[in-house]
Amino acid sequence: MPDVCVDPLHFLVDRLCCRVYLDGGGNVRLGFSRRHGLEDMMTAQGIARSNAGVLRAQLRDGAGGSGSEEKPAIGGSVPPGSFCPLIP
């Protein structure tokens, strides 16, 4: 999993299909769909905890620096409220 070390935000969004955003307090939050399994959710949470500082900086830079609640991580990649399907 070398991609995780290089860019945790893109790994979470593109590979695990999570919604990653900052809440009102500036904390990194993850959004999952009903299709996500426990293993994927635990993996995503581990990555988010291990890379919280990097993710926070990426989200602030990518979200325009406001840190406001429920901003999507990457503009057009993951629209709010929708999730990409997991492919086994």
PDB file of N, CA and C in Angstrom:
ATOM      1  N   MET A   1       0.801  -1.191   0.000  1.00  0.00           N
ATOM      2  CA  MET A   1       0.000   0.000   0.000  1.00  0.00           C
ATOM      3  C   MET A   1       0.847   1.259   0.000  1.00  0.00           C
ATOM      4  N   PRO A   2       1.738   1.441  -0.927  1.00  0.00           N
ATOM      5  CA  PRO A   2       2.552   2.641  -0.940  1.00  0.00           C
ATOM      6  C   PRO A   2       1.761   3.912  -1.197  1.00  0.00           C
ATOM      7  N   ASP A   3       0.576   3.815  -1.832  1.00  0.00           N
ATOM      8  CA  ASP A   3      -0.233   5.000  -2.106  1.00  0.00           C
ATOM      9  C   ASP A   3      -0.682   5.690  -0.826  1.00  0.00           C
ATOM     10  N   VAL A   4      -0.902   4.913   0.234  1.00  0.00           N
ATOM     11  CA  VAL A   4      -1.362   5.478   1.498  1.00  0.00           C
ATOM     12  C   VAL A   4      -0.320   6.443   2.039  1.00  0.00           C
ATOM     13  N   CYS A   5       0.936   6.069   1.972  1.00  0.00           N
ATOM     14  CA  CYS A   5       2.003   6.912   2.494  1.00  0.00           C
ATOM     15  C   CYS A   5       2.175   8.175   1.662  1.00  0.00           C
ATOM     16  N   VAL A   6       1.952   8.066   0.374  1.00  0.00           N
ATOM     17  CA  VAL A   6       2.155   9.197  -0.518  1.00  0.00           C
ATOM     18  C   VAL A   6       1.012  10.199  -0.413  1.00  0.00           C
ATOM     19  N   ASP A   7      -0.240   9.727  -0.497  1.00  0.00           N
ATOM     20  CA  ASP A   7      -1.382  10.626  -0.480  1.00  0.00           C
ATOM     21  C   ASP A   7      -2.590   9.954   0.171  1.00  0.00           C
ATOM     22  N   PRO A   8      -2.723  10.081   1.481  1.00  0.00           N
ATOM     23  CA  PRO A   8      -3.815   9.402   2.182  1.00  0.00           C
ATOM     24  C   PRO A   8      -5.203   9.875   1.761  1.00  0.00           C
ATOM     25  N   LEU A   9      -5.348  11.146   1.391  1.00  0.00           N
ATOM     26  CA  LEU A   9      -6.655  11.664   0.992  1.00  0.00           C
ATOM     27  C   LEU A   9      -7.149  10.976  -0.279  1.00  0.00           C
ATOM     28  N   HIS A  10      -6.279  10.894  -1.272  1.00  0.00           N
ATOM     29  CA  HIS A  10      -6.690  10.249  -2.520  1.00  0.00           C
ATOM     30  C   HIS A  10      -6.922   8.752  -2.327  1.00  0.00           C
ATOM     31  N   PHE A  11      -6.169   8.117  -1.452  1.00  0.00           N
ATOM     32  CA  PHE A  11      -6.394   6.700  -1.183  1.00  0.00           C
ATOM     33  C   PHE A  11      -7.781   6.500  -0.571  1.00  0.00           C
ATOM     34  N   LEU A  12      -8.127   7.332   0.411  1.00  0.00           N
ATOM     35  CA  LEU A  12      -9.438   7.214   1.061  1.00  0.00           C
ATOM     36  C   LEU A  12     -10.578   7.477   0.083  1.00  0.00           C
ATOM     37  N   VAL A  13     -10.429   8.485  -0.747  1.00  0.00           N
ATOM     38  CA  VAL A  13     -11.502   8.865  -1.663  1.00  0.00           C
ATOM     39  C   VAL A  13     -11.571   7.925  -2.869  1.00  0.00           C
ATOM     40  N   ASP A  14     -10.434   7.701  -3.513  1.00  0.00           N
ATOM     41  CA  ASP A  14     -10.422   6.945  -4.770  1.00  0.00           C
ATOM     42  C   ASP A  14     -10.465   5.429  -4.576  1.00  0.00           C
ATOM     43  N   ARG A  15      -9.761   4.926  -3.590  1.00  0.00           N
ATOM     44  CA  ARG A  15      -9.684   3.473  -3.418  1.00  0.00           C
ATOM     45  C   ARG A  15     -10.738   2.932  -2.468  1.00  0.00           C
ATOM     46  N   LEU A  16     -10.952   3.633  -1.354  1.00  0.00           N
ATOM     47  CA  LEU A  16     -11.921   3.142  -0.367  1.00  0.00           C
ATOM     48  C   LEU A  16     -13.291   3.788  -0.524  1.00  0.00           C
ATOM     49  N   CYS A  17     -13.400   4.764  -1.407  1.00  0.00           N
ATOM     50  CA  CYS A  17     -14.676   5.417  -1.723  1.00  0.00           C
ATOM     51  C   CYS A  17     -15.341   6.051  -0.506  1.00  0.00           C
ATOM     52  N   CYS A  18     -14.548   6.694   0.322  1.00  0.00           N
ATOM     53  CA  CYS A  18     -15.070   7.389   1.506  1.00  0.00           C
ATOM     54  C   CYS A  18     -15.259   8.859   1.182  1.00  0.00           C
ATOM     55  N   ARG A  19     -16.127   9.465   1.921  1.00  0.00           N
ATOM     56  CA  ARG A  19     -16.264  10.913   1.881  1.00  0.00           C
ATOM     57  C   ARG A  19     -15.421  11.443   3.032  1.00  0.00           C
ATOM     58  N   VAL A  20     -14.504  12.329   2.749  1.00  0.00           N
ATOM     59  CA  VAL A  20     -13.587  12.859   3.752  1.00  0.00           C
ATOM     60  C   VAL A  20     -13.802  14.364   3.827  1.00  0.00           C
ATOM     61  N   TYR A  21     -14.035  14.866   5.043  1.00  0.00           N
ATOM     62  CA  TYR A  21     -14.300  16.296   5.203  1.00  0.00           C
ATOM     63  C   TYR A  21     -13.887  16.748   6.597  1.00  0.00           C
ATOM     64  N   LEU A  22     -13.861  18.054   6.791  1.00  0.00           N
ATOM     65  CA  LEU A  22     -13.583  18.638   8.100  1.00  0.00           C
ATOM     66  C   LEU A  22     -14.899  19.073   8.721  1.00  0.00           C
ATOM     67  N   ASP A  23     -15.058  18.785  10.006  1.00  0.00           N
ATOM     68  CA  ASP A  23     -16.257  19.252  10.693  1.00  0.00           C
ATOM     69  C   ASP A  23     -16.032  20.690  11.166  1.00  0.00           C
ATOM     70  N   GLY A  24     -16.992  21.256  11.849  1.00  0.00           N
ATOM     71  CA  GLY A  24     -16.917  22.644  12.295  1.00  0.00           C
ATOM     72  C   GLY A  24     -15.739  22.931  13.213  1.00  0.00           C
ATOM     73  N   GLY A  25     -15.259  21.892  13.919  1.00  0.00           N
ATOM     74  CA  GLY A  25     -14.127  22.065  14.825  1.00  0.00           C
ATOM     75  C   GLY A  25     -12.781  21.809  14.172  1.00  0.00           C
ATOM     76  N   GLY A  26     -12.781  21.529  12.866  1.00  0.00           N
ATOM     77  CA  GLY A  26     -11.532  21.269  12.165  1.00  0.00           C
ATOM     78  C   GLY A  26     -11.049  19.833  12.273  1.00  0.00           C
ATOM     79  N   ASN A  27     -11.919  18.934  12.727  1.00  0.00           N
ATOM     80  CA  ASN A  27     -11.559  17.522  12.838  1.00  0.00           C
ATOM     81  C   ASN A  27     -11.854  16.790  11.538  1.00  0.00           C
ATOM     82  N   VAL A  28     -11.008  15.819  11.203  1.00  0.00           N
ATOM     83  CA  VAL A  28     -11.210  15.015   9.996  1.00  0.00           C
ATOM     84  C   VAL A  28     -12.342  14.028  10.265  1.00  0.00           C
ATOM     85  N   ARG A  29     -13.307  13.988   9.367  1.00  0.00           N
ATOM     86  CA  ARG A  29     -14.451  13.081   9.472  1.00  0.00           C
ATOM     87  C   ARG A  29     -14.546  12.244   8.208  1.00  0.00           C
ATOM     88  N   LEU A  30     -15.076  11.032   8.364  1.00  0.00           N
ATOM     89  CA  LEU A  30     -15.259  10.114   7.244  1.00  0.00           C
ATOM     90  C   LEU A  30     -16.730   9.813   7.059  1.00  0.00           C
ATOM     91  N   GLY A  31     -17.157   9.700   5.823  1.00  0.00           N
ATOM     92  CA  GLY A  31     -18.527   9.309   5.505  1.00  0.00           C
ATOM     93  C   GLY A  31     -18.504   8.003   4.736  1.00  0.00           C
ATOM     94  N   PHE A  32     -19.395   7.100   5.096  1.00  0.00           N
ATOM     95  CA  PHE A  32     -19.468   5.787   4.460  1.00  0.00           C
ATOM     96  C   PHE A  32     -20.873   5.552   3.930  1.00  0.00           C
ATOM     97  N   SER A  33     -20.959   4.711   2.924  1.00  0.00           N
ATOM     98  CA  SER A  33     -22.262   4.306   2.420  1.00  0.00           C
ATOM     99  C   SER A  33     -22.638   2.979   3.066  1.00  0.00           C
ATOM    100  N   ARG A  34     -23.831   2.527   2.802  1.00  0.00           N
ATOM    101  CA  ARG A  34     -24.275   1.246   3.349  1.00  0.00           C
ATOM    102  C   ARG A  34     -23.517   0.075   2.738  1.00  0.00           C
ATOM    103  N   ARG A  35     -22.891   0.299   1.612  1.00  0.00           N
ATOM    104  CA  ARG A  35     -22.145  -0.764   0.933  1.00  0.00           C
ATOM    105  C   ARG A  35     -20.775  -1.018   1.544  1.00  0.00           C
ATOM    106  N   HIS A  36     -20.308  -0.101   2.349  1.00  0.00           N
ATOM    107  CA  HIS A  36     -18.999  -0.285   2.977  1.00  0.00           C
ATOM    108  C   HIS A  36     -19.084  -1.387   4.021  1.00  0.00           C
ATOM    109  N   GLY A  37     -18.102  -2.255   4.002  1.00  0.00           N
ATOM    110  CA  GLY A  37     -18.011  -3.312   4.996  1.00  0.00           C
ATOM    111  C   GLY A  37     -17.197  -2.841   6.192  1.00  0.00           C
ATOM    112  N   LEU A  38     -17.249  -3.610   7.254  1.00  0.00           N
ATOM    113  CA  LEU A  38     -16.541  -3.265   8.485  1.00  0.00           C
ATOM    114  C   LEU A  38     -15.030  -3.160   8.239  1.00  0.00           C
ATOM    115  N   GLU A  39     -14.491  -4.072   7.452  1.00  0.00           N
ATOM    116  CA  GLU A  39     -13.050  -4.060   7.188  1.00  0.00           C
ATOM    117  C   GLU A  39     -12.629  -2.761   6.495  1.00  0.00           C
ATOM    118  N   ASP A  40     -13.392  -2.331   5.506  1.00  0.00           N
ATOM    119  CA  ASP A  40     -13.070  -1.084   4.806  1.00  0.00           C
ATOM    120  C   ASP A  40     -13.204   0.117   5.728  1.00  0.00           C
ATOM    121  N   MET A  41     -14.209   0.124   6.574  1.00  0.00           N
ATOM    122  CA  MET A  41     -14.395   1.242   7.499  1.00  0.00           C
ATOM    123  C   MET A  41     -13.255   1.304   8.512  1.00  0.00           C
ATOM    124  N   MET A  42     -12.837   0.147   9.017  1.00  0.00           N
ATOM    125  CA  MET A  42     -11.736   0.116   9.984  1.00  0.00           C
ATOM    126  C   MET A  42     -10.425   0.550   9.325  1.00  0.00           C
ATOM    127  N   THR A  43     -10.201   0.113   8.092  1.00  0.00           N
ATOM    128  CA  THR A  43      -9.010   0.524   7.353  1.00  0.00           C
ATOM    129  C   THR A  43      -9.003   2.035   7.164  1.00  0.00           C
ATOM    130  N   ALA A  44     -10.134   2.579   6.739  1.00  0.00           N
ATOM    131  CA  ALA A  44     -10.237   4.024   6.516  1.00  0.00           C
ATOM    132  C   ALA A  44     -10.012   4.803   7.807  1.00  0.00           C
ATOM    133  N   GLN A  45     -10.578   4.337   8.904  1.00  0.00           N
ATOM    134  CA  GLN A  45     -10.396   5.021  10.178  1.00  0.00           C
ATOM    135  C   GLN A  45      -8.941   4.981  10.640  1.00  0.00           C
ATOM    136  N   GLY A  46      -8.279   3.858  10.420  1.00  0.00           N
ATOM    137  CA  GLY A  46      -6.867   3.752  10.770  1.00  0.00           C
ATOM    138  C   GLY A  46      -6.009   4.718   9.964  1.00  0.00           C
ATOM    139  N   ILE A  47      -6.291   4.808   8.672  1.00  0.00           N
ATOM    140  CA  ILE A  47      -5.556   5.735   7.812  1.00  0.00           C
ATOM    141  C   ILE A  47      -5.814   7.171   8.247  1.00  0.00           C
ATOM    142  N   ALA A  48      -7.071   7.489   8.552  1.00  0.00           N
ATOM    143  CA  ALA A  48      -7.425   8.849   8.971  1.00  0.00           C
ATOM    144  C   ALA A  48      -6.743   9.220  10.288  1.00  0.00           C
ATOM    145  N   ARG A  49      -6.707   8.292  11.228  1.00  0.00           N
ATOM    146  CA  ARG A  49      -6.050   8.574  12.517  1.00  0.00           C
ATOM    147  C   ARG A  49      -4.543   8.744  12.347  1.00  0.00           C
ATOM    148  N   SER A  50      -3.934   7.873  11.545  1.00  0.00           N
ATOM    149  CA  SER A  50      -2.482   7.904  11.362  1.00  0.00           C
ATOM    150  C   SER A  50      -2.017   9.126  10.586  1.00  0.00           C
ATOM    151  N   ASN A  51      -2.878   9.663   9.757  1.00  0.00           N
ATOM    152  CA  ASN A  51      -2.500  10.775   8.882  1.00  0.00           C
ATOM    153  C   ASN A  51      -3.366  12.009   9.116  1.00  0.00           C
ATOM    154  N   ALA A  52      -3.859  12.193  10.323  1.00  0.00           N
ATOM    155  CA  ALA A  52      -4.797  13.281  10.614  1.00  0.00           C
ATOM    156  C   ALA A  52      -4.230  14.650  10.256  1.00  0.00           C
ATOM    157  N   GLY A  53      -2.995  14.906  10.601  1.00  0.00           N
ATOM    158  CA  GLY A  53      -2.397  16.212  10.311  1.00  0.00           C
ATOM    159  C   GLY A  53      -2.282  16.485   8.823  1.00  0.00           C
ATOM    160  N   VAL A  54      -1.837  15.480   8.079  1.00  0.00           N
ATOM    161  CA  VAL A  54      -1.698  15.615   6.629  1.00  0.00           C
ATOM    162  C   VAL A  54      -3.065  15.806   5.989  1.00  0.00           C
ATOM    163  N   LEU A  55      -4.041  14.994   6.409  1.00  0.00           N
ATOM    164  CA  LEU A  55      -5.396  15.102   5.863  1.00  0.00           C
ATOM    165  C   LEU A  55      -6.002  16.468   6.154  1.00  0.00           C
ATOM    166  N   ARG A  56      -5.820  16.937   7.375  1.00  0.00           N
ATOM    167  CA  ARG A  56      -6.365  18.241   7.760  1.00  0.00           C
ATOM    168  C   ARG A  56      -5.797  19.337   6.856  1.00  0.00           C
ATOM    169  N   ALA A  57      -4.492  19.292   6.624  1.00  0.00           N
ATOM    170  CA  ALA A  57      -3.856  20.298   5.767  1.00  0.00           C
ATOM    171  C   ALA A  57      -4.358  20.185   4.329  1.00  0.00           C
ATOM    172  N   GLN A  58      -4.474  18.956   3.809  1.00  0.00           N
ATOM    173  CA  GLN A  58      -4.959  18.772   2.441  1.00  0.00           C
ATOM    174  C   GLN A  58      -6.392  19.262   2.294  1.00  0.00           C
ATOM    175  N   LEU A  59      -7.230  18.975   3.275  1.00  0.00           N
ATOM    176  CA  LEU A  59      -8.629  19.391   3.206  1.00  0.00           C
ATOM    177  C   LEU A  59      -8.761  20.904   3.302  1.00  0.00           C
ATOM    178  N   ARG A  60      -7.981  21.521   4.161  1.00  0.00           N
ATOM    179  CA  ARG A  60      -8.039  22.980   4.267  1.00  0.00           C
ATOM    180  C   ARG A  60      -7.583  23.638   2.978  1.00  0.00           C
ATOM    181  N   ASP A  61      -6.515  23.114   2.387  1.00  0.00           N
ATOM    182  CA  ASP A  61      -6.014  23.675   1.127  1.00  0.00           C
ATOM    183  C   ASP A  61      -6.998  23.422  -0.006  1.00  0.00           C
ATOM    184  N   GLY A  62      -7.523  22.197  -0.093  1.00  0.00           N
ATOM    185  CA  GLY A  62      -8.430  21.827  -1.176  1.00  0.00           C
ATOM    186  C   GLY A  62      -9.821  22.398  -1.025  1.00  0.00           C
ATOM    187  N   ALA A  63     -10.256  22.671   0.205  1.00  0.00           N
ATOM    188  CA  ALA A  63     -11.605  23.171   0.449  1.00  0.00           C
ATOM    189  C   ALA A  63     -11.640  24.694   0.552  1.00  0.00           C
ATOM    190  N   GLY A  64     -10.568  25.337   0.156  1.00  0.00           N
ATOM    191  CA  GLY A  64     -10.559  26.793   0.152  1.00  0.00           C
ATOM    192  C   GLY A  64     -10.118  27.403   1.463  1.00  0.00           C
ATOM    193  N   GLY A  65      -9.659  26.575   2.409  1.00  0.00           N
ATOM    194  CA  GLY A  65      -9.106  27.085   3.644  1.00  0.00           C
ATOM    195  C   GLY A  65     -10.115  27.473   4.696  1.00  0.00           C
ATOM    196  N   SER A  66     -11.414  27.309   4.454  1.00  0.00           N
ATOM    197  CA  SER A  66     -12.395  27.762   5.437  1.00  0.00           C
ATOM    198  C   SER A  66     -12.604  26.760   6.553  1.00  0.00           C
ATOM    199  N   GLY A  67     -12.427  25.460   6.274  1.00  0.00           N
ATOM    200  CA  GLY A  67     -12.634  24.443   7.288  1.00  0.00           C
ATOM    201  C   GLY A  67     -14.081  24.321   7.705  1.00  0.00           C
ATOM    202  N   SER A  68     -15.009  24.795   6.894  1.00  0.00           N
ATOM    203  CA  SER A  68     -16.412  24.759   7.289  1.00  0.00           C
ATOM    204  C   SER A  68     -16.973  23.350   7.219  1.00  0.00           C
ATOM    205  N   GLU A  69     -18.047  23.148   7.900  1.00  0.00           N
ATOM    206  CA  GLU A  69     -18.636  21.825   8.064  1.00  0.00           C
ATOM    207  C   GLU A  69     -19.103  21.227   6.748  1.00  0.00           C
ATOM    208  N   GLU A  70     -18.894  19.931   6.624  1.00  0.00           N
ATOM    209  CA  GLU A  70     -19.423  19.109   5.534  1.00  0.00           C
ATOM    210  C   GLU A  70     -18.950  19.510   4.148  1.00  0.00           C
ATOM    211  N   LYS A  71     -17.763  20.060   4.034  1.00  0.00           N
ATOM    212  CA  LYS A  71     -17.233  20.344   2.699  1.00  0.00           C
ATOM    213  C   LYS A  71     -16.662  19.067   2.125  1.00  0.00           C
ATOM    214  N   PRO A  72     -16.969  18.742   0.870  1.00  0.00           N
ATOM    215  CA  PRO A  72     -16.398  17.546   0.271  1.00  0.00           C
ATOM    216  C   PRO A  72     -14.897  17.691   0.094  1.00  0.00           C
ATOM    217  N   ALA A  73     -14.192  16.571   0.174  1.00  0.00           N
ATOM    218  CA  ALA A  73     -12.739  16.603   0.110  1.00  0.00           C
ATOM    219  C   ALA A  73     -12.230  17.070  -1.236  1.00  0.00           C
ATOM    220  N   ILE A  74     -12.776  16.553  -2.291  1.00  0.00           N
ATOM    221  CA  ILE A  74     -12.285  16.863  -3.619  1.00  0.00           C
ATOM    222  C   ILE A  74     -13.480  17.280  -4.458  1.00  0.00           C
ATOM    223  N   GLY A  75     -13.437  18.476  -4.980  1.00  0.00           N
ATOM    224  CA  GLY A  75     -14.539  19.079  -5.698  1.00  0.00           C
ATOM    225  C   GLY A  75     -15.487  18.156  -6.430  1.00  0.00           C
ATOM    226  N   GLY A  76     -15.117  17.640  -7.594  1.00  0.00           N
ATOM    227  CA  GLY A  76     -16.038  16.854  -8.392  1.00  0.00           C
ATOM    228  C   GLY A  76     -15.933  15.362  -8.185  1.00  0.00           C
ATOM    229  N   SER A  77     -14.963  14.899  -7.422  1.00  0.00           N
ATOM    230  CA  SER A  77     -14.747  13.461  -7.296  1.00  0.00           C
ATOM    231  C   SER A  77     -15.827  12.752  -6.491  1.00  0.00           C
ATOM    232  N   VAL A  78     -16.226  13.332  -5.366  1.00  0.00           N
ATOM    233  CA  VAL A  78     -17.202  12.693  -4.503  1.00  0.00           C
ATOM    234  C   VAL A  78     -18.255  13.717  -4.119  1.00  0.00           C
ATOM    235  N   PRO A  79     -19.379  13.744  -4.836  1.00  0.00           N
ATOM    236  CA  PRO A  79     -20.421  14.711  -4.503  1.00  0.00           C
ATOM    237  C   PRO A  79     -21.003  14.440  -3.122  1.00  0.00           C
ATOM    238  N   PRO A  80     -21.404  15.471  -2.399  1.00  0.00           N
ATOM    239  CA  PRO A  80     -21.970  15.274  -1.069  1.00  0.00           C
ATOM    240  C   PRO A  80     -23.175  14.332  -1.100  1.00  0.00           C
ATOM    241  N   GLY A  81     -23.164  13.387  -0.201  1.00  0.00           N
ATOM    242  CA  GLY A  81     -24.284  12.473  -0.066  1.00  0.00           C
ATOM    243  C   GLY A  81     -24.238  11.256  -0.951  1.00  0.00           C
ATOM    244  N   SER A  82     -23.346  11.207  -1.914  1.00  0.00           N
ATOM    245  CA  SER A  82     -23.281  10.012  -2.747  1.00  0.00           C
ATOM    246  C   SER A  82     -21.930   9.325  -2.582  1.00  0.00           C
ATOM    247  N   PHE A  83     -21.925   8.056  -2.826  1.00  0.00           N
ATOM    248  CA  PHE A  83     -20.736   7.256  -2.627  1.00  0.00           C
ATOM    249  C   PHE A  83     -20.552   6.325  -3.798  1.00  0.00           C
ATOM    250  N   CYS A  84     -19.324   6.041  -4.149  1.00  0.00           N
ATOM    251  CA  CYS A  84     -19.083   5.114  -5.251  1.00  0.00           C
ATOM    252  C   CYS A  84     -19.193   3.678  -4.734  1.00  0.00           C
ATOM    253  N   PRO A  85     -19.610   2.747  -5.573  1.00  0.00           N
ATOM    254  CA  PRO A  85     -19.770   1.368  -5.132  1.00  0.00           C
ATOM    255  C   PRO A  85     -18.430   0.685  -4.918  1.00  0.00           C
ATOM    256  N   LEU A  86     -18.389  -0.211  -3.987  1.00  0.00           N
ATOM    257  CA  LEU A  86     -17.194  -1.003  -3.769  1.00  0.00           C
ATOM    258  C   LEU A  86     -17.189  -2.185  -4.716  1.00  0.00           C
ATOM    259  N   ILE A  87     -16.063  -2.436  -5.317  1.00  0.00           N
ATOM    260  CA  ILE A  87     -15.948  -3.566  -6.229  1.00  0.00           C
ATOM    261  C   ILE A  87     -15.100  -4.616  -5.528  1.00  0.00           C
ATOM    262  N   PRO A  88     -15.688  -5.807  -5.283  1.00  0.00           N
ATOM    263  CA  PRO A  88     -14.921  -6.844  -4.551  1.00  0.00           C
ATOM    264  C   PRO A  88     -13.734  -7.352  -5.324  1.00  0.00           C
TER     265      PRO A  88
END
